[in-house]
Every structure is written in C-alpha cells, then in structure tokens.
Amino acid sequence: MNEVNKYLKIAKEAVIEPEGGIEDKIIDRISHIEDEDRGLLDDKFRDFFNKNNSRPFLMKEKLKDHPGTFTFSFIVVLGLFAFMAYLLSMLLADSKKED
C-alpha cells in the first residue's frame, strides 16, 4: 500500500494538459514506476483520476479548502447585481417622471 500511496503523491504533482487519454499521460509522466508496478495502476486507478479531475469535484474541493474566499466573492457579485438593479430602477423612475 505504501507503493500506491507513493505513486499517488507523485501523480498529484504532475501537470498535464487536459486532452483525451489523460490517465495514460499521467502514468507516462510518473517516472518512478517500474514495469512490474504498472499492474497496480489498473482501471480502478484510472477511474480514480477521472473522478478527481472532474470539474464538479475540483470545485467542491476548492470550496472546502477556501470557503471564505468563495463566500466573499458571492457577496460581492450579489452586491453588484443589487447596485445594477438600483441604478436600473432609478433610471426607470426618472424616465417616468419626464413623461
């Protein structure tokens, strides 16, 4: 199990461009894998990478790691929408006064 953990730790640091066959590229990038150890990296390992590299999973991890940043960003965006709605209502009120 230590061997698998070692390979997972190395794989987390690999930078791969997102294209087709990302699992094969990651496995090729891990230079410390012996040929006999490639049998450890079976379909379950590929499934693990597919799930952990999906956009929803990555977003969930970012939210879990930095909840304050996303909360602050959400509040700022809501504030901007509220400000835009206020300006729009003021413009509509001014145009009704002119009529």
PDB file of N, CA and C in Angstrom:
ATOM      1  N   MET A   1       0.828  -1.199   0.000  1.00  0.00           N
ATOM      2  CA  MET A   1       0.000   0.000   0.000  1.00  0.00           C
ATOM      3  C   MET A   1       0.864   1.252   0.000  1.00  0.00           C
ATOM      4  N   ASN A   2       2.055   1.171   0.614  1.00  0.00           N
ATOM      5  CA  ASN A   2       2.961   2.315   0.595  1.00  0.00           C
ATOM      6  C   ASN A   2       3.371   2.685  -0.818  1.00  0.00           C
ATOM      7  N   GLU A   3       3.528   1.661  -1.665  1.00  0.00           N
ATOM      8  CA  GLU A   3       3.903   1.915  -3.051  1.00  0.00           C
ATOM      9  C   GLU A   3       2.809   2.703  -3.767  1.00  0.00           C
ATOM     10  N   VAL A   4       1.573   2.306  -3.570  1.00  0.00           N
ATOM     11  CA  VAL A   4       0.455   3.008  -4.217  1.00  0.00           C
ATOM     12  C   VAL A   4       0.375   4.436  -3.707  1.00  0.00           C
ATOM     13  N   ASN A   5       0.518   4.634  -2.401  1.00  0.00           N
ATOM     14  CA  ASN A   5       0.490   5.979  -1.841  1.00  0.00           C
ATOM     15  C   ASN A   5       1.623   6.833  -2.395  1.00  0.00           C
ATOM     16  N   LYS A   6       2.791   6.223  -2.583  1.00  0.00           N
ATOM     17  CA  LYS A   6       3.929   6.945  -3.144  1.00  0.00           C
ATOM     18  C   LYS A   6       3.600   7.407  -4.561  1.00  0.00           C
ATOM     19  N   TYR A   7       2.993   6.532  -5.369  1.00  0.00           N
ATOM     20  CA  TYR A   7       2.657   6.883  -6.740  1.00  0.00           C
ATOM     21  C   TYR A   7       1.541   7.928  -6.789  1.00  0.00           C
ATOM     22  N   LEU A   8       0.598   7.839  -5.876  1.00  0.00           N
ATOM     23  CA  LEU A   8      -0.467   8.844  -5.838  1.00  0.00           C
ATOM     24  C   LEU A   8       0.093  10.208  -5.471  1.00  0.00           C
ATOM     25  N   LYS A   9       1.043  10.246  -4.544  1.00  0.00           N
ATOM     26  CA  LYS A   9       1.660  11.508  -4.150  1.00  0.00           C
ATOM     27  C   LYS A   9       2.410  12.126  -5.329  1.00  0.00           C
ATOM     28  N   ILE A  10       3.122  11.300  -6.085  1.00  0.00           N
ATOM     29  CA  ILE A  10       3.831  11.787  -7.269  1.00  0.00           C
ATOM     30  C   ILE A  10       2.829  12.254  -8.320  1.00  0.00           C
ATOM     31  N   ALA A  11       1.746  11.516  -8.489  1.00  0.00           N
ATOM     32  CA  ALA A  11       0.754  11.843  -9.510  1.00  0.00           C
ATOM     33  C   ALA A  11       0.034  13.151  -9.205  1.00  0.00           C
ATOM     34  N   LYS A  12      -0.124  13.510  -7.945  1.00  0.00           N
ATOM     35  CA  LYS A  12      -0.791  14.756  -7.594  1.00  0.00           C
ATOM     36  C   LYS A  12       0.006  15.959  -8.075  1.00  0.00           C
ATOM     37  N   GLU A  13       1.321  15.810  -8.181  1.00  0.00           N
ATOM     38  CA  GLU A  13       2.176  16.912  -8.581  1.00  0.00           C
ATOM     39  C   GLU A  13       2.359  16.997 -10.095  1.00  0.00           C
ATOM     40  N   ALA A  14       1.840  16.048 -10.842  1.00  0.00           N
ATOM     41  CA  ALA A  14       2.004  16.042 -12.296  1.00  0.00           C
ATOM     42  C   ALA A  14       1.091  17.087 -12.923  1.00  0.00           C
ATOM     43  N   VAL A  15       1.627  17.850 -13.873  1.00  0.00           N
ATOM     44  CA  VAL A  15       0.848  18.858 -14.591  1.00  0.00           C
ATOM     45  C   VAL A  15       0.625  18.338 -16.003  1.00  0.00           C
ATOM     46  N   ILE A  16      -0.632  18.127 -16.350  1.00  0.00           N
ATOM     47  CA  ILE A  16      -0.990  17.535 -17.633  1.00  0.00           C
ATOM     48  C   ILE A  16      -1.995  18.457 -18.317  1.00  0.00           C
ATOM     49  N   GLU A  17      -1.807  18.677 -19.619  1.00  0.00           N
ATOM     50  CA  GLU A  17      -2.785  19.433 -20.386  1.00  0.00           C
ATOM     51  C   GLU A  17      -4.036  18.576 -20.567  1.00  0.00           C
ATOM     52  N   PRO A  18      -5.241  19.143 -20.343  1.00  0.00           N
ATOM     53  CA  PRO A  18      -6.473  18.350 -20.441  1.00  0.00           C
ATOM     54  C   PRO A  18      -6.828  18.013 -21.887  1.00  0.00           C
ATOM     55  N   GLU A  19      -6.587  16.816 -22.267  1.00  0.00           N
ATOM     56  CA  GLU A  19      -6.957  16.293 -23.575  1.00  0.00           C
ATOM     57  C   GLU A  19      -7.421  14.867 -23.367  1.00  0.00           C
ATOM     58  N   GLY A  20      -7.684  14.179 -24.447  1.00  0.00           N
ATOM     59  CA  GLY A  20      -8.092  12.788 -24.344  1.00  0.00           C
ATOM     60  C   GLY A  20      -6.957  11.921 -23.827  1.00  0.00           C
ATOM     61  N   GLY A  21      -7.282  10.874 -23.095  1.00  0.00           N
ATOM     62  CA  GLY A  21      -6.281   9.941 -22.584  1.00  0.00           C
ATOM     63  C   GLY A  21      -5.424  10.516 -21.482  1.00  0.00           C
ATOM     64  N   ILE A  22      -6.012  11.329 -20.622  1.00  0.00           N
ATOM     65  CA  ILE A  22      -5.232  11.982 -19.570  1.00  0.00           C
ATOM     66  C   ILE A  22      -4.614  10.966 -18.605  1.00  0.00           C
ATOM     67  N   GLU A  23      -5.290   9.851 -18.391  1.00  0.00           N
ATOM     68  CA  GLU A  23      -4.769   8.853 -17.460  1.00  0.00           C
ATOM     69  C   GLU A  23      -3.457   8.272 -17.977  1.00  0.00           C
ATOM     70  N   ASP A  24      -3.411   7.982 -19.280  1.00  0.00           N
ATOM     71  CA  ASP A  24      -2.178   7.439 -19.856  1.00  0.00           C
ATOM     72  C   ASP A  24      -1.046   8.455 -19.780  1.00  0.00           C
ATOM     73  N   LYS A  25      -1.366   9.726 -19.985  1.00  0.00           N
ATOM     74  CA  LYS A  25      -0.339  10.757 -19.903  1.00  0.00           C
ATOM     75  C   LYS A  25       0.196  10.882 -18.484  1.00  0.00           C
ATOM     76  N   ILE A  26      -0.700  10.782 -17.507  1.00  0.00           N
ATOM     77  CA  ILE A  26      -0.260  10.864 -16.112  1.00  0.00           C
ATOM     78  C   ILE A  26       0.637   9.687 -15.786  1.00  0.00           C
ATOM     79  N   ILE A  27       0.227   8.507 -16.197  1.00  0.00           N
ATOM     80  CA  ILE A  27       1.024   7.312 -15.922  1.00  0.00           C
ATOM     81  C   ILE A  27       2.379   7.418 -16.620  1.00  0.00           C
ATOM     82  N   ASP A  28       2.412   7.958 -17.839  1.00  0.00           N
ATOM     83  CA  ASP A  28       3.677   8.135 -18.543  1.00  0.00           C
ATOM     84  C   ASP A  28       4.557   9.180 -17.873  1.00  0.00           C
ATOM     85  N   ARG A  29       3.945  10.195 -17.274  1.00  0.00           N
ATOM     86  CA  ARG A  29       4.697  11.260 -16.623  1.00  0.00           C
ATOM     87  C   ARG A  29       5.315  10.814 -15.301  1.00  0.00           C
ATOM     88  N   ILE A  30       4.721   9.828 -14.656  1.00  0.00           N
ATOM     89  CA  ILE A  30       5.269   9.342 -13.387  1.00  0.00           C
ATOM     90  C   ILE A  30       6.486   8.492 -13.727  1.00  0.00           C
ATOM     91  N   SER A  31       7.653   9.056 -13.512  1.00  0.00           N
ATOM     92  CA  SER A  31       8.878   8.408 -13.986  1.00  0.00           C
ATOM     93  C   SER A  31       9.386   7.321 -13.050  1.00  0.00           C
ATOM     94  N   HIS A  32       8.877   7.232 -11.863  1.00  0.00           N
ATOM     95  CA  HIS A  32       9.409   6.288 -10.889  1.00  0.00           C
ATOM     96  C   HIS A  32       8.689   4.946 -10.901  1.00  0.00           C
ATOM     97  N   ILE A  33       7.814   4.715 -11.860  1.00  0.00           N
ATOM     98  CA  ILE A  33       7.051   3.474 -11.887  1.00  0.00           C
ATOM     99  C   ILE A  33       7.864   2.395 -12.594  1.00  0.00           C
ATOM    100  N   GLU A  34       8.059   1.315 -11.911  1.00  0.00           N
ATOM    101  CA  GLU A  34       8.719   0.154 -12.508  1.00  0.00           C
ATOM    102  C   GLU A  34       7.702  -0.548 -13.421  1.00  0.00           C
ATOM    103  N   ASP A  35       8.184  -1.303 -14.389  1.00  0.00           N
ATOM    104  CA  ASP A  35       7.274  -2.008 -15.297  1.00  0.00           C
ATOM    105  C   ASP A  35       6.396  -3.006 -14.562  1.00  0.00           C
ATOM    106  N   GLU A  36       6.933  -3.663 -13.541  1.00  0.00           N
ATOM    107  CA  GLU A  36       6.116  -4.635 -12.810  1.00  0.00           C
ATOM    108  C   GLU A  36       5.076  -3.943 -11.926  1.00  0.00           C
ATOM    109  N   ASP A  37       5.315  -2.659 -11.587  1.00  0.00           N
ATOM    110  CA  ASP A  37       4.351  -1.923 -10.761  1.00  0.00           C
ATOM    111  C   ASP A  37       3.221  -1.321 -11.578  1.00  0.00           C
ATOM    112  N   ARG A  38       3.333  -1.297 -12.888  1.00  0.00           N
ATOM    113  CA  ARG A  38       2.251  -0.750 -13.718  1.00  0.00           C
ATOM    114  C   ARG A  38       0.973  -1.560 -13.562  1.00  0.00           C
ATOM    115  N   GLY A  39       1.079  -2.796 -13.126  1.00  0.00           N
ATOM    116  CA  GLY A  39      -0.105  -3.615 -12.870  1.00  0.00           C
ATOM    117  C   GLY A  39      -0.950  -3.073 -11.734  1.00  0.00           C
ATOM    118  N   LEU A  40      -0.317  -2.297 -10.832  1.00  0.00           N
ATOM    119  CA  LEU A  40      -1.071  -1.669  -9.739  1.00  0.00           C
ATOM    120  C   LEU A  40      -2.017  -0.593 -10.261  1.00  0.00           C
ATOM    121  N   LEU A  41      -1.647   0.021 -11.361  1.00  0.00           N
ATOM    122  CA  LEU A  41      -2.416   1.137 -11.901  1.00  0.00           C
ATOM    123  C   LEU A  41      -3.449   0.609 -12.889  1.00  0.00           C
ATOM    124  N   ASP A  42      -4.446  -0.046 -12.369  1.00  0.00           N
ATOM    125  CA  ASP A  42      -5.463  -0.687 -13.199  1.00  0.00           C
ATOM    126  C   ASP A  42      -6.633   0.256 -13.465  1.00  0.00           C
ATOM    127  N   ASP A  43      -7.771  -0.300 -13.839  1.00  0.00           N
ATOM    128  CA  ASP A  43      -8.952   0.508 -14.163  1.00  0.00           C
ATOM    129  C   ASP A  43      -9.464   1.291 -12.968  1.00  0.00           C
ATOM    130  N   LYS A  44      -9.302   0.749 -11.771  1.00  0.00           N
ATOM    131  CA  LYS A  44      -9.732   1.493 -10.577  1.00  0.00           C
ATOM    132  C   LYS A  44      -8.910   2.767 -10.431  1.00  0.00           C
ATOM    133  N   PHE A  45      -7.624   2.681 -10.732  1.00  0.00           N
ATOM    134  CA  PHE A  45      -6.756   3.853 -10.670  1.00  0.00           C
ATOM    135  C   PHE A  45      -7.184   4.888 -11.707  1.00  0.00           C
ATOM    136  N   ARG A  46      -7.506   4.440 -12.916  1.00  0.00           N
ATOM    137  CA  ARG A  46      -7.974   5.345 -13.966  1.00  0.00           C
ATOM    138  C   ARG A  46      -9.314   5.981 -13.574  1.00  0.00           C
ATOM    139  N   ASP A  47     -10.188   5.202 -12.964  1.00  0.00           N
ATOM    140  CA  ASP A  47     -11.468   5.717 -12.506  1.00  0.00           C
ATOM    141  C   ASP A  47     -11.253   6.782 -11.432  1.00  0.00           C
ATOM    142  N   PHE A  48     -10.285   6.530 -10.547  1.00  0.00           N
ATOM    143  CA  PHE A  48      -9.930   7.495  -9.510  1.00  0.00           C
ATOM    144  C   PHE A  48      -9.519   8.824 -10.135  1.00  0.00           C
ATOM    145  N   PHE A  49      -8.684   8.792 -11.176  1.00  0.00           N
ATOM    146  CA  PHE A  49      -8.258  10.020 -11.834  1.00  0.00           C
ATOM    147  C   PHE A  49      -9.409  10.698 -12.554  1.00  0.00           C
ATOM    148  N   ASN A  50     -10.285   9.932 -13.178  1.00  0.00           N
ATOM    149  CA  ASN A  50     -11.432  10.537 -13.862  1.00  0.00           C
ATOM    150  C   ASN A  50     -12.313  11.290 -12.888  1.00  0.00           C
ATOM    151  N   LYS A  51     -12.573  10.694 -11.735  1.00  0.00           N
ATOM    152  CA  LYS A  51     -13.431  11.342 -10.743  1.00  0.00           C
ATOM    153  C   LYS A  51     -12.749  12.545 -10.124  1.00  0.00           C
ATOM    154  N   ASN A  52     -11.456  12.429  -9.817  1.00  0.00           N
ATOM    155  CA  ASN A  52     -10.749  13.504  -9.136  1.00  0.00           C
ATOM    156  C   ASN A  52     -10.364  14.645 -10.055  1.00  0.00           C
ATOM    157  N   ASN A  53     -10.444  14.467 -11.354  1.00  0.00           N
ATOM    158  CA  ASN A  53     -10.137  15.545 -12.284  1.00  0.00           C
ATOM    159  C   ASN A  53     -11.385  16.155 -12.897  1.00  0.00           C
ATOM    160  N   SER A  54     -12.557  15.762 -12.413  1.00  0.00           N
ATOM    161  CA  SER A  54     -13.785  16.334 -12.949  1.00  0.00           C
ATOM    162  C   SER A  54     -14.001  17.731 -12.374  1.00  0.00           C
ATOM    163  N   ARG A  55     -14.635  18.580 -13.145  1.00  0.00           N
ATOM    164  CA  ARG A  55     -14.880  19.963 -12.712  1.00  0.00           C
ATOM    165  C   ARG A  55     -15.698  20.056 -11.422  1.00  0.00           C
ATOM    166  N   PRO A  56     -16.796  19.300 -11.275  1.00  0.00           N
ATOM    167  CA  PRO A  56     -17.552  19.399 -10.022  1.00  0.00           C
ATOM    168  C   PRO A  56     -16.717  18.999  -8.804  1.00  0.00           C
ATOM    169  N   PHE A  57     -15.897  17.967  -8.938  1.00  0.00           N
ATOM    170  CA  PHE A  57     -15.064  17.540  -7.815  1.00  0.00           C
ATOM    171  C   PHE A  57     -14.038  18.614  -7.466  1.00  0.00           C
ATOM    172  N   LEU A  58     -13.399  19.197  -8.471  1.00  0.00           N
ATOM    173  CA  LEU A  58     -12.392  20.222  -8.216  1.00  0.00           C
ATOM    174  C   LEU A  58     -13.023  21.462  -7.581  1.00  0.00           C
ATOM    175  N   MET A  59     -14.227  21.835  -8.040  1.00  0.00           N
ATOM    176  CA  MET A  59     -14.917  22.987  -7.446  1.00  0.00           C
ATOM    177  C   MET A  59     -15.286  22.709  -6.003  1.00  0.00           C
ATOM    178  N   LYS A  60     -15.755  21.485  -5.736  1.00  0.00           N
ATOM    179  CA  LYS A  60     -16.122  21.116  -4.371  1.00  0.00           C
ATOM    180  C   LYS A  60     -14.894  21.173  -3.456  1.00  0.00           C
ATOM    181  N   GLU A  61     -13.754  20.713  -3.947  1.00  0.00           N
ATOM    182  CA  GLU A  61     -12.525  20.753  -3.153  1.00  0.00           C
ATOM    183  C   GLU A  61     -12.083  22.185  -2.892  1.00  0.00           C
ATOM    184  N   LYS A  62     -12.189  23.064  -3.897  1.00  0.00           N
ATOM    185  CA  LYS A  62     -11.815  24.460  -3.697  1.00  0.00           C
ATOM    186  C   LYS A  62     -12.725  25.118  -2.675  1.00  0.00           C
ATOM    187  N   LEU A  63     -14.026  24.824  -2.750  1.00  0.00           N
ATOM    188  CA  LEU A  63     -14.962  25.374  -1.769  1.00  0.00           C
ATOM    189  C   LEU A  63     -14.647  24.876  -0.374  1.00  0.00           C
ATOM    190  N   LYS A  64     -14.283  23.599  -0.276  1.00  0.00           N
ATOM    191  CA  LYS A  64     -13.969  23.021   1.026  1.00  0.00           C
ATOM    192  C   LYS A  64     -12.682  23.626   1.594  1.00  0.00           C
ATOM    193  N   ASP A  65     -11.702  23.893   0.734  1.00  0.00           N
ATOM    194  CA  ASP A  65     -10.419  24.418   1.194  1.00  0.00           C
ATOM    195  C   ASP A  65     -10.453  25.909   1.478  1.00  0.00           C
ATOM    196  N   HIS A  66     -11.254  26.679   0.722  1.00  0.00           N
ATOM    197  CA  HIS A  66     -11.285  28.133   0.852  1.00  0.00           C
ATOM    198  C   HIS A  66     -12.715  28.652   0.919  1.00  0.00           C
ATOM    199  N   PRO A  67     -13.460  28.340   1.965  1.00  0.00           N
ATOM    200  CA  PRO A  67     -14.874  28.763   1.997  1.00  0.00           C
ATOM    201  C   PRO A  67     -15.042  30.274   2.119  1.00  0.00           C
ATOM    202  N   GLY A  68     -14.143  30.939   2.810  1.00  0.00           N
ATOM    203  CA  GLY A  68     -14.265  32.388   2.990  1.00  0.00           C
ATOM    204  C   GLY A  68     -14.101  33.158   1.697  1.00  0.00           C
ATOM    205  N   THR A  69     -13.177  32.738   0.863  1.00  0.00           N
ATOM    206  CA  THR A  69     -12.936  33.413  -0.405  1.00  0.00           C
ATOM    207  C   THR A  69     -14.157  33.324  -1.305  1.00  0.00           C
ATOM    208  N   PHE A  70     -14.746  32.141  -1.394  1.00  0.00           N
ATOM    209  CA  PHE A  70     -15.917  31.983  -2.247  1.00  0.00           C
ATOM    210  C   PHE A  70     -17.130  32.705  -1.667  1.00  0.00           C
ATOM    211  N   THR A  71     -17.255  32.736  -0.362  1.00  0.00           N
ATOM    212  CA  THR A  71     -18.358  33.458   0.267  1.00  0.00           C
ATOM    213  C   THR A  71     -18.230  34.950  -0.010  1.00  0.00           C
ATOM    214  N   PHE A  72     -17.010  35.476   0.149  1.00  0.00           N
ATOM    215  CA  PHE A  72     -16.775  36.890  -0.123  1.00  0.00           C
ATOM    216  C   PHE A  72     -17.059  37.212  -1.584  1.00  0.00           C
ATOM    217  N   SER A  73     -16.608  36.369  -2.496  1.00  0.00           N
ATOM    218  CA  SER A  73     -16.851  36.578  -3.931  1.00  0.00           C
ATOM    219  C   SER A  73     -18.344  36.564  -4.231  1.00  0.00           C
ATOM    220  N   PHE A  74     -19.065  35.646  -3.621  1.00  0.00           N
ATOM    221  CA  PHE A  74     -20.506  35.548  -3.828  1.00  0.00           C
ATOM    222  C   PHE A  74     -21.207  36.808  -3.329  1.00  0.00           C
ATOM    223  N   ILE A  75     -20.787  37.309  -2.181  1.00  0.00           N
ATOM    224  CA  ILE A  75     -21.390  38.519  -1.622  1.00  0.00           C
ATOM    225  C   ILE A  75     -21.102  39.723  -2.514  1.00  0.00           C
ATOM    226  N   VAL A  76     -19.887  39.820  -3.046  1.00  0.00           N
ATOM    227  CA  VAL A  76     -19.537  40.927  -3.942  1.00  0.00           C
ATOM    228  C   VAL A  76     -20.379  40.872  -5.213  1.00  0.00           C
ATOM    229  N   VAL A  77     -20.550  39.690  -5.783  1.00  0.00           N
ATOM    230  CA  VAL A  77     -21.350  39.541  -7.002  1.00  0.00           C
ATOM    231  C   VAL A  77     -22.811  39.920  -6.722  1.00  0.00           C
ATOM    232  N   LEU A  78     -23.346  39.465  -5.596  1.00  0.00           N
ATOM    233  CA  LEU A  78     -24.718  39.852  -5.234  1.00  0.00           C
ATOM    234  C   LEU A  78     -24.827  41.358  -5.036  1.00  0.00           C
ATOM    235  N   GLY A  79     -23.813  41.963  -4.435  1.00  0.00           N
ATOM    236  CA  GLY A  79     -23.806  43.410  -4.254  1.00  0.00           C
ATOM    237  C   GLY A  79     -23.805  44.150  -5.582  1.00  0.00           C
ATOM    238  N   LEU A  80     -23.028  43.652  -6.542  1.00  0.00           N
ATOM    239  CA  LEU A  80     -23.011  44.270  -7.870  1.00  0.00           C
ATOM    240  C   LEU A  80     -24.363  44.161  -8.552  1.00  0.00           C
ATOM    241  N   PHE A  81     -25.008  42.997  -8.435  1.00  0.00           N
ATOM    242  CA  PHE A  81     -26.342  42.852  -9.015  1.00  0.00           C
ATOM    243  C   PHE A  81     -27.342  43.789  -8.342  1.00  0.00           C
ATOM    244  N   ALA A  82     -27.252  43.917  -7.035  1.00  0.00           N
ATOM    245  CA  ALA A  82     -28.155  44.818  -6.325  1.00  0.00           C
ATOM    246  C   ALA A  82     -27.920  46.262  -6.755  1.00  0.00           C
ATOM    247  N   PHE A  83     -26.670  46.653  -6.916  1.00  0.00           N
ATOM    248  CA  PHE A  83     -26.347  48.008  -7.350  1.00  0.00           C
ATOM    249  C   PHE A  83     -26.862  48.266  -8.761  1.00  0.00           C
ATOM    250  N   MET A  84     -26.693  47.288  -9.645  1.00  0.00           N
ATOM    251  CA  MET A  84     -27.195  47.439 -11.010  1.00  0.00           C
ATOM    252  C   MET A  84     -28.720  47.529 -11.013  1.00  0.00           C
ATOM    253  N   ALA A  85     -29.393  46.757 -10.185  1.00  0.00           N
ATOM    254  CA  ALA A  85     -30.856  46.823 -10.093  1.00  0.00           C
ATOM    255  C   ALA A  85     -31.292  48.183  -9.558  1.00  0.00           C
ATOM    256  N   TYR A  86     -30.553  48.718  -8.609  1.00  0.00           N
ATOM    257  CA  TYR A  86     -30.867  50.042  -8.055  1.00  0.00           C
ATOM    258  C   TYR A  86     -30.719  51.108  -9.134  1.00  0.00           C
ATOM    259  N   LEU A  87     -29.620  51.054  -9.883  1.00  0.00           N
ATOM    260  CA  LEU A  87     -29.431  52.034 -10.961  1.00  0.00           C
ATOM    261  C   LEU A  87     -30.520  51.922 -12.008  1.00  0.00           C
ATOM    262  N   LEU A  88     -30.883  50.709 -12.360  1.00  0.00           N
ATOM    263  CA  LEU A  88     -31.939  50.495 -13.341  1.00  0.00           C
ATOM    264  C   LEU A  88     -33.270  51.042 -12.845  1.00  0.00           C
ATOM    265  N   SER A  89     -33.571  50.814 -11.578  1.00  0.00           N
ATOM    266  CA  SER A  89     -34.833  51.333 -11.033  1.00  0.00           C
ATOM    267  C   SER A  89     -34.819  52.860 -10.987  1.00  0.00           C
ATOM    268  N   MET A  90     -33.658  53.456 -10.700  1.00  0.00           N
ATOM    269  CA  MET A  90     -33.561  54.918 -10.686  1.00  0.00           C
ATOM    270  C   MET A  90     -33.749  55.478 -12.102  1.00  0.00           C
ATOM    271  N   LEU A  91     -33.164  54.819 -13.093  1.00  0.00           N
ATOM    272  CA  LEU A  91     -33.332  55.272 -14.477  1.00  0.00           C
ATOM    273  C   LEU A  91     -34.792  55.159 -14.916  1.00  0.00           C
ATOM    274  N   LEU A  92     -35.442  54.069 -14.544  1.00  0.00           N
ATOM    275  CA  LEU A  92     -36.850  53.888 -14.903  1.00  0.00           C
ATOM    276  C   LEU A  92     -37.718  54.928 -14.194  1.00  0.00           C
ATOM    277  N   ALA A  93     -37.410  55.244 -12.959  1.00  0.00           N
ATOM    278  CA  ALA A  93     -38.180  56.229 -12.227  1.00  0.00           C
ATOM    279  C   ALA A  93     -37.995  57.624 -12.837  1.00  0.00           C
ATOM    280  N   ASP A  94     -36.754  57.943 -13.265  1.00  0.00           N
ATOM    281  CA  ASP A  94     -36.505  59.236 -13.904  1.00  0.00           C
ATOM    282  C   ASP A  94     -37.233  59.348 -15.243  1.00  0.00           C
ATOM    283  N   SER A  95     -37.278  58.258 -15.999  1.00  0.00           N
ATOM    284  CA  SER A  95     -37.962  58.310 -17.285  1.00  0.00           C
ATOM    285  C   SER A  95     -39.473  58.443 -17.108  1.00  0.00           C
ATOM    286  N   LYS A  96     -40.030  57.901 -16.035  1.00  0.00           N
ATOM    287  CA  LYS A  96     -41.464  58.055 -15.776  1.00  0.00           C
ATOM    288  C   LYS A  96     -41.794  59.462 -15.332  1.00  0.00           C
ATOM    289  N   LYS A  97     -40.874  60.140 -14.611  1.00  0.00           N
ATOM    290  CA  LYS A  97     -41.092  61.499 -14.157  1.00  0.00           C
ATOM    291  C   LYS A  97     -41.110  62.463 -15.341  1.00  0.00           C
ATOM    292  N   GLU A  98     -40.288  62.169 -16.348  1.00  0.00           N
ATOM    293  CA  GLU A  98     -40.223  63.035 -17.514  1.00  0.00           C
ATOM    294  C   GLU A  98     -41.468  62.949 -18.377  1.00  0.00           C
ATOM    295  N   ASP A  99     -42.182  61.833 -18.312  1.00  0.00           N
ATOM    296  CA  ASP A  99     -43.388  61.661 -19.126  1.00  0.00           C
ATOM    297  C   ASP A  99     -44.528  62.430 -18.603  1.00  0.00           C
TER     298      ASP A  99
END
